[in-house]
Amino acid sequence: MVKKANFSQIKEKVAREGVTRRVFSGEKSMMVLNTIKAFAKPALHQHPHEQITYILAGECDFTLGEDLVRLGPGDVILVPPDVPHTLTPLGQETIINLDVFTPIRDDYL
């Protein structure tokens, strides 16, 4: 069975003020398209999922454990399970990024 979608047609959910997401999920992995407004400041957090983040638009500082990395369009970063992380948008640009999680995050469904 083929499971296919177009992100533009997936219902957008508000995660918190200034942050929306569109979720496409299989049984063991998921992709999440995030839109993060410049004023939104996601909190430092961690989870038991492995995460790969791909930046599509905008620039941000990405905190991963003790490290701080500047990311922009085309950059990708691996977030191991249980490592504290967050991103901070730079300037007035909206960040658009694609996250891949394994296993799936039930809290995003």
PDB file of N, CA and C in Angstrom:
ATOM      1  N   MET A   1       0.840  -1.189   0.000  1.00  0.00           N
ATOM      2  CA  MET A   1       0.000   0.000   0.000  1.00  0.00           C
ATOM      3  C   MET A   1       0.883   1.251   0.000  1.00  0.00           C
ATOM      4  N   VAL A   2       0.572   2.196  -0.839  1.00  0.00           N
ATOM      5  CA  VAL A   2       1.325   3.440  -0.948  1.00  0.00           C
ATOM      6  C   VAL A   2       0.679   4.500  -0.067  1.00  0.00           C
ATOM      7  N   LYS A   3       1.493   5.145   0.753  1.00  0.00           N
ATOM      8  CA  LYS A   3       1.022   6.281   1.544  1.00  0.00           C
ATOM      9  C   LYS A   3       1.711   7.514   0.974  1.00  0.00           C
ATOM     10  N   LYS A   4       0.938   8.421   0.414  1.00  0.00           N
ATOM     11  CA  LYS A   4       1.472   9.589  -0.274  1.00  0.00           C
ATOM     12  C   LYS A   4       0.718  10.827   0.180  1.00  0.00           C
ATOM     13  N   ALA A   5       1.423  11.948   0.230  1.00  0.00           N
ATOM     14  CA  ALA A   5       0.782  13.212   0.583  1.00  0.00           C
ATOM     15  C   ALA A   5       1.580  14.356  -0.015  1.00  0.00           C
ATOM     16  N   ASN A   6       0.986  15.531  -0.006  1.00  0.00           N
ATOM     17  CA  ASN A   6       1.664  16.764  -0.365  1.00  0.00           C
ATOM     18  C   ASN A   6       1.592  17.645   0.876  1.00  0.00           C
ATOM     19  N   PHE A   7       2.753  18.132   1.355  1.00  0.00           N
ATOM     20  CA  PHE A   7       2.750  18.903   2.601  1.00  0.00           C
ATOM     21  C   PHE A   7       1.797  20.091   2.548  1.00  0.00           C
ATOM     22  N   SER A   8       1.607  20.684   1.381  1.00  0.00           N
ATOM     23  CA  SER A   8       0.706  21.835   1.285  1.00  0.00           C
ATOM     24  C   SER A   8      -0.742  21.454   1.567  1.00  0.00           C
ATOM     25  N   GLN A   9      -1.057  20.164   1.482  1.00  0.00           N
ATOM     26  CA  GLN A   9      -2.423  19.704   1.720  1.00  0.00           C
ATOM     27  C   GLN A   9      -2.601  19.041   3.085  1.00  0.00           C
ATOM     28  N   ILE A  10      -1.517  18.920   3.848  1.00  0.00           N
ATOM     29  CA  ILE A  10      -1.612  18.358   5.198  1.00  0.00           C
ATOM     30  C   ILE A  10      -2.035  19.471   6.146  1.00  0.00           C
ATOM     31  N   LYS A  11      -2.982  19.164   7.014  1.00  0.00           N
ATOM     32  CA  LYS A  11      -3.503  20.165   7.949  1.00  0.00           C
ATOM     33  C   LYS A  11      -2.383  20.715   8.826  1.00  0.00           C
ATOM     34  N   GLU A  12      -2.313  22.028   8.872  1.00  0.00           N
ATOM     35  CA  GLU A  12      -1.320  22.707   9.698  1.00  0.00           C
ATOM     36  C   GLU A  12      -1.829  22.782  11.132  1.00  0.00           C
ATOM     37  N   LYS A  13      -0.961  22.420  12.084  1.00  0.00           N
ATOM     38  CA  LYS A  13      -1.321  22.471  13.501  1.00  0.00           C
ATOM     39  C   LYS A  13      -0.466  23.525  14.192  1.00  0.00           C
ATOM     40  N   VAL A  14      -1.067  24.268  15.098  1.00  0.00           N
ATOM     41  CA  VAL A  14      -0.326  25.252  15.882  1.00  0.00           C
ATOM     42  C   VAL A  14       0.328  24.527  17.045  1.00  0.00           C
ATOM     43  N   ALA A  15       1.654  24.583  17.096  1.00  0.00           N
ATOM     44  CA  ALA A  15       2.393  23.946  18.188  1.00  0.00           C
ATOM     45  C   ALA A  15       2.412  24.869  19.406  1.00  0.00           C
ATOM     46  N   ARG A  16       2.636  26.143  19.160  1.00  0.00           N
ATOM     47  CA  ARG A  16       2.604  27.207  20.162  1.00  0.00           C
ATOM     48  C   ARG A  16       2.650  28.518  19.381  1.00  0.00           C
ATOM     49  N   GLU A  17       2.575  29.633  20.055  1.00  0.00           N
ATOM     50  CA  GLU A  17       2.548  30.913  19.351  1.00  0.00           C
ATOM     51  C   GLU A  17       3.777  31.063  18.452  1.00  0.00           C
ATOM     52  N   GLY A  18       3.532  31.288  17.180  1.00  0.00           N
ATOM     53  CA  GLY A  18       4.607  31.503  16.223  1.00  0.00           C
ATOM     54  C   GLY A  18       5.193  30.248  15.617  1.00  0.00           C
ATOM     55  N   VAL A  19       4.685  29.079  16.007  1.00  0.00           N
ATOM     56  CA  VAL A  19       5.221  27.808  15.499  1.00  0.00           C
ATOM     57  C   VAL A  19       4.072  26.929  15.014  1.00  0.00           C
ATOM     58  N   THR A  20       4.148  26.527  13.739  1.00  0.00           N
ATOM     59  CA  THR A  20       3.167  25.587  13.200  1.00  0.00           C
ATOM     60  C   THR A  20       3.900  24.390  12.620  1.00  0.00           C
ATOM     61  N   ARG A  21       3.170  23.282  12.494  1.00  0.00           N
ATOM     62  CA  ARG A  21       3.777  22.070  11.931  1.00  0.00           C
ATOM     63  C   ARG A  21       2.764  21.303  11.101  1.00  0.00           C
ATOM     64  N   ARG A  22       3.294  20.565  10.128  1.00  0.00           N
ATOM     65  CA  ARG A  22       2.524  19.629   9.308  1.00  0.00           C
ATOM     66  C   ARG A  22       3.237  18.293   9.433  1.00  0.00           C
ATOM     67  N   VAL A  23       2.490  17.234   9.760  1.00  0.00           N
ATOM     68  CA  VAL A  23       3.085  15.942  10.095  1.00  0.00           C
ATOM     69  C   VAL A  23       2.692  14.878   9.077  1.00  0.00           C
ATOM     70  N   PHE A  24       3.697  14.141   8.611  1.00  0.00           N
ATOM     71  CA  PHE A  24       3.488  12.968   7.765  1.00  0.00           C
ATOM     72  C   PHE A  24       4.167  11.809   8.473  1.00  0.00           C
ATOM     73  N   SER A  25       3.400  10.755   8.791  1.00  0.00           N
ATOM     74  CA  SER A  25       3.933   9.693   9.637  1.00  0.00           C
ATOM     75  C   SER A  25       3.703   8.307   9.063  1.00  0.00           C
ATOM     76  N   GLY A  26       4.708   7.464   9.270  1.00  0.00           N
ATOM     77  CA  GLY A  26       4.584   6.039   9.025  1.00  0.00           C
ATOM     78  C   GLY A  26       4.470   5.345  10.370  1.00  0.00           C
ATOM     79  N   GLU A  27       4.741   4.048  10.397  1.00  0.00           N
ATOM     80  CA  GLU A  27       4.665   3.309  11.657  1.00  0.00           C
ATOM     81  C   GLU A  27       5.890   3.522  12.536  1.00  0.00           C
ATOM     82  N   LYS A  28       7.065   3.754  11.927  1.00  0.00           N
ATOM     83  CA  LYS A  28       8.304   3.818  12.697  1.00  0.00           C
ATOM     84  C   LYS A  28       9.081   5.117  12.540  1.00  0.00           C
ATOM     85  N   SER A  29       8.671   5.969  11.620  1.00  0.00           N
ATOM     86  CA  SER A  29       9.344   7.255  11.438  1.00  0.00           C
ATOM     87  C   SER A  29       8.328   8.297  10.989  1.00  0.00           C
ATOM     88  N   MET A  30       8.716   9.564  11.129  1.00  0.00           N
ATOM     89  CA  MET A  30       7.819  10.644  10.728  1.00  0.00           C
ATOM     90  C   MET A  30       8.629  11.830  10.218  1.00  0.00           C
ATOM     91  N   MET A  31       7.983  12.616   9.349  1.00  0.00           N
ATOM     92  CA  MET A  31       8.542  13.875   8.867  1.00  0.00           C
ATOM     93  C   MET A  31       7.622  14.993   9.335  1.00  0.00           C
ATOM     94  N   VAL A  32       8.247  16.085   9.778  1.00  0.00           N
ATOM     95  CA  VAL A  32       7.479  17.216  10.282  1.00  0.00           C
ATOM     96  C   VAL A  32       7.995  18.483   9.604  1.00  0.00           C
ATOM     97  N   LEU A  33       7.112  19.186   8.914  1.00  0.00           N
ATOM     98  CA  LEU A  33       7.454  20.460   8.295  1.00  0.00           C
ATOM     99  C   LEU A  33       7.063  21.560   9.272  1.00  0.00           C
ATOM    100  N   ASN A  34       8.059  22.289   9.778  1.00  0.00           N
ATOM    101  CA  ASN A  34       7.848  23.335  10.779  1.00  0.00           C
ATOM    102  C   ASN A  34       8.011  24.715  10.166  1.00  0.00           C
ATOM    103  N   THR A  35       7.179  25.645  10.615  1.00  0.00           N
ATOM    104  CA  THR A  35       7.328  27.058  10.292  1.00  0.00           C
ATOM    105  C   THR A  35       7.470  27.791  11.617  1.00  0.00           C
ATOM    106  N   ILE A  36       8.599  28.494  11.781  1.00  0.00           N
ATOM    107  CA  ILE A  36       8.910  29.143  13.054  1.00  0.00           C
ATOM    108  C   ILE A  36       9.122  30.629  12.783  1.00  0.00           C
ATOM    109  N   LYS A  37       8.212  31.449  13.276  1.00  0.00           N
ATOM    110  CA  LYS A  37       8.305  32.898  13.080  1.00  0.00           C
ATOM    111  C   LYS A  37       9.505  33.449  13.854  1.00  0.00           C
ATOM    112  N   ALA A  38      10.030  34.592  13.392  1.00  0.00           N
ATOM    113  CA  ALA A  38      11.234  35.173  13.983  1.00  0.00           C
ATOM    114  C   ALA A  38      11.082  35.456  15.477  1.00  0.00           C
ATOM    115  N   PHE A  39       9.883  35.820  15.921  1.00  0.00           N
ATOM    116  CA  PHE A  39       9.686  36.155  17.333  1.00  0.00           C
ATOM    117  C   PHE A  39       9.561  34.923  18.229  1.00  0.00           C
ATOM    118  N   ALA A  40       9.350  33.764  17.638  1.00  0.00           N
ATOM    119  CA  ALA A  40       9.180  32.532  18.429  1.00  0.00           C
ATOM    120  C   ALA A  40      10.546  32.066  18.917  1.00  0.00           C
ATOM    121  N   LYS A  41      10.624  31.695  20.149  1.00  0.00           N
ATOM    122  CA  LYS A  41      11.873  31.213  20.738  1.00  0.00           C
ATOM    123  C   LYS A  41      11.620  29.838  21.352  1.00  0.00           C
ATOM    124  N   PRO A  42      11.737  28.773  20.548  1.00  0.00           N
ATOM    125  CA  PRO A  42      11.515  27.429  21.094  1.00  0.00           C
ATOM    126  C   PRO A  42      12.419  27.164  22.295  1.00  0.00           C
ATOM    127  N   ALA A  43      11.883  26.487  23.284  1.00  0.00           N
ATOM    128  CA  ALA A  43      12.619  26.210  24.521  1.00  0.00           C
ATOM    129  C   ALA A  43      13.611  25.063  24.328  1.00  0.00           C
ATOM    130  N   LEU A  44      14.676  25.091  25.124  1.00  0.00           N
ATOM    131  CA  LEU A  44      15.612  23.976  25.170  1.00  0.00           C
ATOM    132  C   LEU A  44      14.833  22.752  25.636  1.00  0.00           C
ATOM    133  N   HIS A  45      14.965  21.651  24.909  1.00  0.00           N
ATOM    134  CA  HIS A  45      14.207  20.444  25.241  1.00  0.00           C
ATOM    135  C   HIS A  45      14.988  19.215  24.801  1.00  0.00           C
ATOM    136  N   GLN A  46      14.522  18.067  25.214  1.00  0.00           N
ATOM    137  CA  GLN A  46      15.116  16.801  24.784  1.00  0.00           C
ATOM    138  C   GLN A  46      14.026  15.750  24.739  1.00  0.00           C
ATOM    139  N   HIS A  47      14.297  14.679  23.993  1.00  0.00           N
ATOM    140  CA  HIS A  47      13.327  13.598  23.840  1.00  0.00           C
ATOM    141  C   HIS A  47      14.071  12.326  23.466  1.00  0.00           C
ATOM    142  N   PRO A  48      13.438  11.171  23.608  1.00  0.00           N
ATOM    143  CA  PRO A  48      14.118   9.899  23.342  1.00  0.00           C
ATOM    144  C   PRO A  48      14.212   9.534  21.857  1.00  0.00           C
ATOM    145  N   HIS A  49      13.798  10.438  20.983  1.00  0.00           N
ATOM    146  CA  HIS A  49      13.792  10.170  19.543  1.00  0.00           C
ATOM    147  C   HIS A  49      15.072  10.682  18.893  1.00  0.00           C
ATOM    148  N   GLU A  50      15.570   9.953  17.886  1.00  0.00           N
ATOM    149  CA  GLU A  50      16.622  10.503  17.042  1.00  0.00           C
ATOM    150  C   GLU A  50      15.945  11.486  16.093  1.00  0.00           C
ATOM    151  N   GLN A  51      16.600  12.608  15.841  1.00  0.00           N
ATOM    152  CA  GLN A  51      16.015  13.670  15.016  1.00  0.00           C
ATOM    153  C   GLN A  51      17.044  14.140  13.993  1.00  0.00           C
ATOM    154  N   ILE A  52      16.600  14.318  12.775  1.00  0.00           N
ATOM    155  CA  ILE A  52      17.411  14.955  11.742  1.00  0.00           C
ATOM    156  C   ILE A  52      16.664  16.214  11.325  1.00  0.00           C
ATOM    157  N   THR A  53      17.344  17.358  11.382  1.00  0.00           N
ATOM    158  CA  THR A  53      16.728  18.632  11.030  1.00  0.00           C
ATOM    159  C   THR A  53      17.388  19.188   9.777  1.00  0.00           C
ATOM    160  N   TYR A  54      16.563  19.540   8.785  1.00  0.00           N
ATOM    161  CA  TYR A  54      17.016  20.101   7.515  1.00  0.00           C
ATOM    162  C   TYR A  54      16.418  21.496   7.383  1.00  0.00           C
ATOM    163  N   ILE A  55      17.261  22.503   7.235  1.00  0.00           N
ATOM    164  CA  ILE A  55      16.791  23.883   7.130  1.00  0.00           C
ATOM    165  C   ILE A  55      16.467  24.201   5.666  1.00  0.00           C
ATOM    166  N   LEU A  56      15.228  24.591   5.422  1.00  0.00           N
ATOM    167  CA  LEU A  56      14.779  24.955   4.076  1.00  0.00           C
ATOM    168  C   LEU A  56      14.868  26.459   3.834  1.00  0.00           C
ATOM    169  N   ALA A  57      14.578  27.263   4.867  1.00  0.00           N
ATOM    170  CA  ALA A  57      14.586  28.720   4.722  1.00  0.00           C
ATOM    171  C   ALA A  57      14.918  29.368   6.053  1.00  0.00           C
ATOM    172  N   GLY A  58      15.597  30.511   5.989  1.00  0.00           N
ATOM    173  CA  GLY A  58      15.949  31.266   7.176  1.00  0.00           C
ATOM    174  C   GLY A  58      17.258  30.798   7.790  1.00  0.00           C
ATOM    175  N   GLU A  59      17.763  31.615   8.710  1.00  0.00           N
ATOM    176  CA  GLU A  59      18.982  31.268   9.442  1.00  0.00           C
ATOM    177  C   GLU A  59      18.672  31.197  10.922  1.00  0.00           C
ATOM    178  N   CYS A  60      19.384  30.298  11.600  1.00  0.00           N
ATOM    179  CA  CYS A  60      19.167  30.142  13.031  1.00  0.00           C
ATOM    180  C   CYS A  60      20.466  29.712  13.703  1.00  0.00           C
ATOM    181  N   ASP A  61      20.523  29.954  15.008  1.00  0.00           N
ATOM    182  CA  ASP A  61      21.553  29.358  15.842  1.00  0.00           C
ATOM    183  C   ASP A  61      20.929  28.118  16.451  1.00  0.00           C
ATOM    184  N   PHE A  62      21.604  26.990  16.307  1.00  0.00           N
ATOM    185  CA  PHE A  62      21.091  25.709  16.794  1.00  0.00           C
ATOM    186  C   PHE A  62      21.964  25.269  17.955  1.00  0.00           C
ATOM    187  N   THR A  63      21.359  25.141  19.131  1.00  0.00           N
ATOM    188  CA  THR A  63      22.062  24.653  20.311  1.00  0.00           C
ATOM    189  C   THR A  63      21.855  23.155  20.390  1.00  0.00           C
ATOM    190  N   LEU A  64      22.966  22.422  20.482  1.00  0.00           N
ATOM    191  CA  LEU A  64      22.934  20.961  20.578  1.00  0.00           C
ATOM    192  C   LEU A  64      23.883  20.565  21.696  1.00  0.00           C
ATOM    193  N   GLY A  65      23.294  20.221  22.852  1.00  0.00           N
ATOM    194  CA  GLY A  65      24.123  19.938  24.019  1.00  0.00           C
ATOM    195  C   GLY A  65      24.917  21.182  24.385  1.00  0.00           C
ATOM    196  N   GLU A  66      26.246  21.070  24.409  1.00  0.00           N
ATOM    197  CA  GLU A  66      27.132  22.185  24.753  1.00  0.00           C
ATOM    198  C   GLU A  66      27.532  23.015  23.531  1.00  0.00           C
ATOM    199  N   ASP A  67      27.125  22.583  22.338  1.00  0.00           N
ATOM    200  CA  ASP A  67      27.574  23.224  21.101  1.00  0.00           C
ATOM    201  C   ASP A  67      26.534  24.187  20.541  1.00  0.00           C
ATOM    202  N   LEU A  68      27.030  25.231  19.883  1.00  0.00           N
ATOM    203  CA  LEU A  68      26.182  26.195  19.185  1.00  0.00           C
ATOM    204  C   LEU A  68      26.641  26.236  17.731  1.00  0.00           C
ATOM    205  N   VAL A  69      25.712  25.991  16.804  1.00  0.00           N
ATOM    206  CA  VAL A  69      26.027  25.913  15.383  1.00  0.00           C
ATOM    207  C   VAL A  69      25.092  26.843  14.619  1.00  0.00           C
ATOM    208  N   ARG A  70      25.624  27.612  13.693  1.00  0.00           N
ATOM    209  CA  ARG A  70      24.791  28.451  12.827  1.00  0.00           C
ATOM    210  C   ARG A  70      24.338  27.614  11.639  1.00  0.00           C
ATOM    211  N   LEU A  71      23.027  27.616  11.373  1.00  0.00           N
ATOM    212  CA  LEU A  71      22.459  26.844  10.268  1.00  0.00           C
ATOM    213  C   LEU A  71      21.694  27.762   9.324  1.00  0.00           C
ATOM    214  N   GLY A  72      21.721  27.417   8.048  1.00  0.00           N
ATOM    215  CA  GLY A  72      20.976  28.152   7.038  1.00  0.00           C
ATOM    216  C   GLY A  72      20.442  27.190   5.995  1.00  0.00           C
ATOM    217  N   PRO A  73      19.806  27.714   4.963  1.00  0.00           N
ATOM    218  CA  PRO A  73      19.202  26.863   3.938  1.00  0.00           C
ATOM    219  C   PRO A  73      20.179  25.825   3.385  1.00  0.00           C
ATOM    220  N   GLY A  74      19.723  24.579   3.371  1.00  0.00           N
ATOM    221  CA  GLY A  74      20.529  23.469   2.877  1.00  0.00           C
ATOM    222  C   GLY A  74      21.287  22.727   3.956  1.00  0.00           C
ATOM    223  N   ASP A  75      21.405  23.325   5.144  1.00  0.00           N
ATOM    224  CA  ASP A  75      22.125  22.660   6.235  1.00  0.00           C
ATOM    225  C   ASP A  75      21.257  21.600   6.890  1.00  0.00           C
ATOM    226  N   VAL A  76      21.912  20.544   7.346  1.00  0.00           N
ATOM    227  CA  VAL A  76      21.234  19.442   8.024  1.00  0.00           C
ATOM    228  C   VAL A  76      22.051  19.091   9.261  1.00  0.00           C
ATOM    229  N   ILE A  77      21.367  18.720  10.342  1.00  0.00           N
ATOM    230  CA  ILE A  77      22.039  18.391  11.593  1.00  0.00           C
ATOM    231  C   ILE A  77      21.360  17.179  12.230  1.00  0.00           C
ATOM    232  N   LEU A  78      22.163  16.330  12.844  1.00  0.00           N
ATOM    233  CA  LEU A  78      21.660  15.149  13.541  1.00  0.00           C
ATOM    234  C   LEU A  78      21.576  15.446  15.031  1.00  0.00           C
ATOM    235  N   VAL A  79      20.408  15.177  15.615  1.00  0.00           N
ATOM    236  CA  VAL A  79      20.194  15.331  17.053  1.00  0.00           C
ATOM    237  C   VAL A  79      20.028  13.934  17.637  1.00  0.00           C
ATOM    238  N   PRO A  80      21.028  13.452  18.396  1.00  0.00           N
ATOM    239  CA  PRO A  80      20.903  12.128  19.005  1.00  0.00           C
ATOM    240  C   PRO A  80      19.805  12.112  20.074  1.00  0.00           C
ATOM    241  N   PRO A  81      19.290  10.943  20.415  1.00  0.00           N
ATOM    242  CA  PRO A  81      18.276  10.847  21.465  1.00  0.00           C
ATOM    243  C   PRO A  81      18.777  11.442  22.783  1.00  0.00           C
ATOM    244  N   ASP A  82      17.882  12.093  23.494  1.00  0.00           N
ATOM    245  CA  ASP A  82      18.106  12.598  24.848  1.00  0.00           C
ATOM    246  C   ASP A  82      19.163  13.692  24.963  1.00  0.00           C
ATOM    247  N   VAL A  83      19.510  14.359  23.869  1.00  0.00           N
ATOM    248  CA  VAL A  83      20.452  15.478  23.919  1.00  0.00           C
ATOM    249  C   VAL A  83      19.644  16.782  23.891  1.00  0.00           C
ATOM    250  N   PRO A  84      19.832  17.669  24.881  1.00  0.00           N
ATOM    251  CA  PRO A  84      19.103  18.940  24.889  1.00  0.00           C
ATOM    252  C   PRO A  84      19.435  19.757  23.634  1.00  0.00           C
ATOM    253  N   HIS A  85      18.403  20.381  23.063  1.00  0.00           N
ATOM    254  CA  HIS A  85      18.596  21.161  21.847  1.00  0.00           C
ATOM    255  C   HIS A  85      17.488  22.191  21.671  1.00  0.00           C
ATOM    256  N   THR A  86      17.780  23.209  20.878  1.00  0.00           N
ATOM    257  CA  THR A  86      16.800  24.217  20.492  1.00  0.00           C
ATOM    258  C   THR A  86      17.362  25.005  19.323  1.00  0.00           C
ATOM    259  N   LEU A  87      16.526  25.808  18.704  1.00  0.00           N
ATOM    260  CA  LEU A  87      17.034  26.731  17.692  1.00  0.00           C
ATOM    261  C   LEU A  87      16.506  28.124  17.978  1.00  0.00           C
ATOM    262  N   THR A  88      17.292  29.116  17.586  1.00  0.00           N
ATOM    263  CA  THR A  88      16.933  30.514  17.763  1.00  0.00           C
ATOM    264  C   THR A  88      16.973  31.195  16.399  1.00  0.00           C
ATOM    265  N   PRO A  89      15.820  31.646  15.898  1.00  0.00           N
ATOM    266  CA  PRO A  89      15.812  32.340  14.605  1.00  0.00           C
ATOM    267  C   PRO A  89      16.681  33.600  14.667  1.00  0.00           C
ATOM    268  N   LEU A  90      17.355  33.904  13.567  1.00  0.00           N
ATOM    269  CA  LEU A  90      18.182  35.106  13.475  1.00  0.00           C
ATOM    270  C   LEU A  90      17.473  36.137  12.610  1.00  0.00           C
ATOM    271  N   GLY A  91      17.598  37.386  12.977  1.00  0.00           N
ATOM    272  CA  GLY A  91      16.975  38.452  12.198  1.00  0.00           C
ATOM    273  C   GLY A  91      15.464  38.345  12.223  1.00  0.00           C
ATOM    274  N   GLN A  92      14.849  38.774  11.143  1.00  0.00           N
ATOM    275  CA  GLN A  92      13.383  38.786  11.049  1.00  0.00           C
ATOM    276  C   GLN A  92      12.847  37.701  10.131  1.00  0.00           C
ATOM    277  N   GLU A  93      13.715  36.769   9.731  1.00  0.00           N
ATOM    278  CA  GLU A  93      13.289  35.713   8.818  1.00  0.00           C
ATOM    279  C   GLU A  93      12.509  34.615   9.530  1.00  0.00           C
ATOM    280  N   THR A  94      11.543  34.071   8.833  1.00  0.00           N
ATOM    281  CA  THR A  94      10.840  32.884   9.299  1.00  0.00           C
ATOM    282  C   THR A  94      11.693  31.668   8.964  1.00  0.00           C
ATOM    283  N   ILE A  95      11.815  30.760   9.912  1.00  0.00           N
ATOM    284  CA  ILE A  95      12.535  29.510   9.695  1.00  0.00           C
ATOM    285  C   ILE A  95      11.542  28.475   9.174  1.00  0.00           C
ATOM    286  N   ILE A  96      11.904  27.796   8.109  1.00  0.00           N
ATOM    287  CA  ILE A  96      11.145  26.634   7.648  1.00  0.00           C
ATOM    288  C   ILE A  96      12.109  25.470   7.672  1.00  0.00           C
ATOM    289  N   ASN A  97      11.771  24.447   8.436  1.00  0.00           N
ATOM    290  CA  ASN A  97      12.651  23.286   8.518  1.00  0.00           C
ATOM    291  C   ASN A  97      11.844  22.000   8.480  1.00  0.00           C
ATOM    292  N   LEU A  98      12.531  20.961   8.078  1.00  0.00           N
ATOM    293  CA  LEU A  98      11.950  19.628   8.002  1.00  0.00           C
ATOM    294  C   LEU A  98      12.657  18.760   9.032  1.00  0.00           C
ATOM    295  N   ASP A  99      11.896  18.176   9.947  1.00  0.00           N
ATOM    296  CA  ASP A  99      12.436  17.253  10.948  1.00  0.00           C
ATOM    297  C   ASP A  99      12.016  15.836  10.602  1.00  0.00           C
ATOM    298  N   VAL A 100      12.938  14.908  10.780  1.00  0.00           N
ATOM    299  CA  VAL A 100      12.646  13.484  10.666  1.00  0.00           C
ATOM    300  C   VAL A 100      12.883  12.891  12.041  1.00  0.00           C
ATOM    301  N   PHE A 101      11.910  12.151  12.552  1.00  0.00           N
ATOM    302  CA  PHE A 101      12.010  11.517  13.865  1.00  0.00           C
ATOM    303  C   PHE A 101      11.860  10.012  13.739  1.00  0.00           C
ATOM    304  N   THR A 102      12.652   9.301  14.522  1.00  0.00           N
ATOM    305  CA  THR A 102      12.459   7.866  14.681  1.00  0.00           C
ATOM    306  C   THR A 102      12.783   7.507  16.125  1.00  0.00           C
ATOM    307  N   PRO A 103      11.943   6.758  16.802  1.00  0.00           N
ATOM    308  CA  PRO A 103      10.600   6.374  16.357  1.00  0.00           C
ATOM    309  C   PRO A 103       9.685   7.601  16.288  1.00  0.00           C
ATOM    310  N   ILE A 104       8.442   7.370  15.896  1.00  0.00           N
ATOM    311  CA  ILE A 104       7.502   8.482  15.764  1.00  0.00           C
ATOM    312  C   ILE A 104       7.240   9.129  17.120  1.00  0.00           C
ATOM    313  N   ARG A 105       6.879  10.399  17.076  1.00  0.00           N
ATOM    314  CA  ARG A 105       6.512  11.143  18.280  1.00  0.00           C
ATOM    315  C   ARG A 105       4.992  11.126  18.391  1.00  0.00           C
ATOM    316  N   ASP A 106       4.484  10.344  19.307  1.00  0.00           N
ATOM    317  CA  ASP A 106       3.033  10.270  19.493  1.00  0.00           C
ATOM    318  C   ASP A 106       2.447  11.626  19.868  1.00  0.00           C
ATOM    319  N   ASP A 107       3.243  12.480  20.547  1.00  0.00           N
ATOM    320  CA  ASP A 107       2.740  13.785  20.956  1.00  0.00           C
ATOM    321  C   ASP A 107       2.550  14.731  19.767  1.00  0.00           C
ATOM    322  N   TYR A 108       3.023  14.376  18.597  1.00  0.00           N
ATOM    323  CA  TYR A 108       2.842  15.194  17.399  1.00  0.00           C
ATOM    324  C   TYR A 108       1.656  14.738  16.555  1.00  0.00           C
ATOM    325  N   LEU A 109       1.102  13.574  16.860  1.00  0.00           N
ATOM    326  CA  LEU A 109      -0.002  13.035  16.057  1.00  0.00           C
ATOM    327  C   LEU A 109      -1.324  13.665  16.440  1.00  0.00           C
TER     328      LEU A 109
END
